[in-house]
Amino acid sequence: VRSGFWTGVAKPGFRRRLEEEVLPVLKLLPGVSGARILWPDQLEDNPPDIACQVLVEFDQREDVDRMMASPERDAFRALVADVANELFEGRISHINYQVGGN
């Protein structure tokens, strides 16, 4: 699982653009088996200002590498940059996870 953290402040229209424009393209990238966006609902213990978390699922580690090296990802990053520049003030960071307990 690869996770993208959008840490900062979202402007009006941000959620719609991510759900309607970014997520469908993300799901089509080579190697991606699924993707979804988590939106904060209830906050506890003063968490950081995370506007959303994007989860991207892969069947195996090689699929992550394939997605990362794909030309489609370059085009996708341009789309993300457009949305971020227009509707988001903050930073985007990523963490790749190993999934346990399966």
Protein backbone atom coordinates (compact mmCIF):
# COMPACT_ATOMS: atom_id res chain seq x y z
CA VAL A 1 0.00 0.00 0.00
CA ARG A 2 1.26 3.44 -0.93
CA SER A 3 -0.18 6.37 0.98
CA GLY A 4 -0.19 10.02 -0.01
CA PHE A 5 -0.72 12.54 2.77
CA TRP A 6 -2.06 15.95 1.79
CA THR A 7 -1.01 18.00 4.82
CA GLY A 8 -2.29 21.56 4.86
CA VAL A 9 -5.43 23.48 3.99
CA ALA A 10 -7.81 22.61 1.15
CA LYS A 11 -9.73 25.29 -0.70
CA PRO A 12 -13.35 24.95 -1.87
CA GLY A 13 -13.65 22.49 -4.73
CA PHE A 14 -10.64 20.41 -3.63
CA ARG A 15 -12.58 17.33 -2.63
CA ARG A 16 -14.63 17.31 -5.82
CA ARG A 17 -11.55 17.63 -8.04
CA LEU A 18 -9.74 14.82 -6.23
CA GLU A 19 -12.73 12.49 -6.36
CA GLU A 20 -13.85 13.30 -9.91
CA GLU A 21 -10.55 13.95 -11.71
CA VAL A 22 -7.57 12.60 -9.76
CA LEU A 23 -8.90 9.32 -8.34
CA PRO A 24 -10.23 7.88 -11.63
CA VAL A 25 -6.87 8.49 -13.35
CA LEU A 26 -4.96 7.06 -10.39
CA LYS A 27 -6.96 3.83 -10.59
CA LEU A 28 -5.85 3.41 -14.23
CA LEU A 29 -2.08 3.66 -13.61
CA PRO A 30 -0.07 0.52 -14.44
CA GLY A 31 0.14 -1.88 -11.50
CA VAL A 32 -2.57 -0.21 -9.39
CA SER A 33 -5.17 -2.68 -8.13
CA GLY A 34 -7.25 -0.15 -6.22
CA ALA A 35 -7.29 3.38 -4.82
CA ARG A 36 -9.41 5.43 -2.46
CA ILE A 37 -9.35 8.70 -0.58
CA LEU A 38 -9.81 8.99 3.17
CA TRP A 39 -11.35 12.25 4.39
CA PRO A 40 -11.02 13.30 8.05
CA ASP A 41 -14.30 12.91 9.89
CA GLN A 42 -13.67 12.91 13.62
CA LEU A 43 -10.41 14.21 15.07
CA GLU A 44 -8.85 13.15 18.36
CA ASP A 45 -5.67 14.08 20.23
CA ASN A 46 -4.79 17.12 18.06
CA PRO A 47 -3.65 15.41 14.83
CA PRO A 48 -1.74 17.29 12.12
CA ASP A 49 -3.74 19.22 9.52
CA ILE A 50 -4.23 16.38 7.04
CA ALA A 51 -6.71 17.42 4.37
CA CYS A 52 -6.91 13.83 3.10
CA GLN A 53 -5.01 10.59 2.71
CA VAL A 54 -4.88 8.77 -0.62
CA LEU A 55 -4.42 5.00 -0.40
CA VAL A 56 -3.15 3.11 -3.44
CA GLU A 57 -3.17 -0.69 -3.43
CA PHE A 58 -0.98 -3.08 -5.40
CA ASP A 59 -0.96 -6.87 -5.65
CA GLN A 60 2.81 -7.11 -5.25
CA ARG A 61 5.90 -4.94 -4.71
CA GLU A 62 6.86 -5.12 -8.39
CA ASP A 63 3.59 -3.40 -9.27
CA VAL A 64 4.61 -0.38 -7.18
CA ASP A 65 7.89 -0.19 -9.10
CA ARG A 66 6.05 -0.50 -12.41
CA MET A 67 3.68 2.33 -11.52
CA MET A 68 6.52 4.55 -10.30
CA ALA A 69 8.48 4.08 -13.54
CA SER A 70 5.54 4.49 -15.92
CA PRO A 71 5.12 7.44 -18.28
CA GLU A 72 1.46 7.50 -17.21
CA ARG A 73 2.61 8.48 -13.73
CA ASP A 74 4.41 11.52 -15.12
CA ALA A 75 1.17 12.73 -16.70
CA PHE A 76 -0.69 11.92 -13.48
CA ARG A 77 1.76 13.98 -11.43
CA ALA A 78 1.07 16.96 -13.70
CA LEU A 79 -2.67 16.60 -12.99
CA VAL A 80 -1.99 16.39 -9.24
CA ALA A 81 0.23 19.49 -9.44
CA ASP A 82 -2.54 21.42 -11.19
CA VAL A 83 -5.05 20.55 -8.47
CA ALA A 84 -2.55 21.22 -5.69
CA ASN A 85 -1.47 24.59 -7.10
CA GLU A 86 -5.04 25.74 -7.58
CA LEU A 87 -6.85 24.32 -4.55
CA PHE A 88 -4.36 23.34 -1.85
CA GLU A 89 -1.93 25.09 0.46
CA GLY A 90 0.48 22.65 2.04
CA ARG A 91 2.59 19.66 1.08
CA ILE A 92 2.11 16.17 -0.25
CA SER A 93 4.23 13.32 1.13
CA HIS A 94 4.21 9.58 0.55
CA ILE A 95 4.83 6.43 2.55
CA ASN A 96 4.97 2.92 1.12
CA TYR A 97 3.75 0.32 3.61
CA GLN A 98 4.24 -3.38 4.05
CA VAL A 99 0.90 -4.94 4.97
CA GLY A 100 0.89 -7.48 7.78
CA GLY A 101 -1.70 -9.72 9.33
CA ASN A 102 -2.94 -11.29 6.12
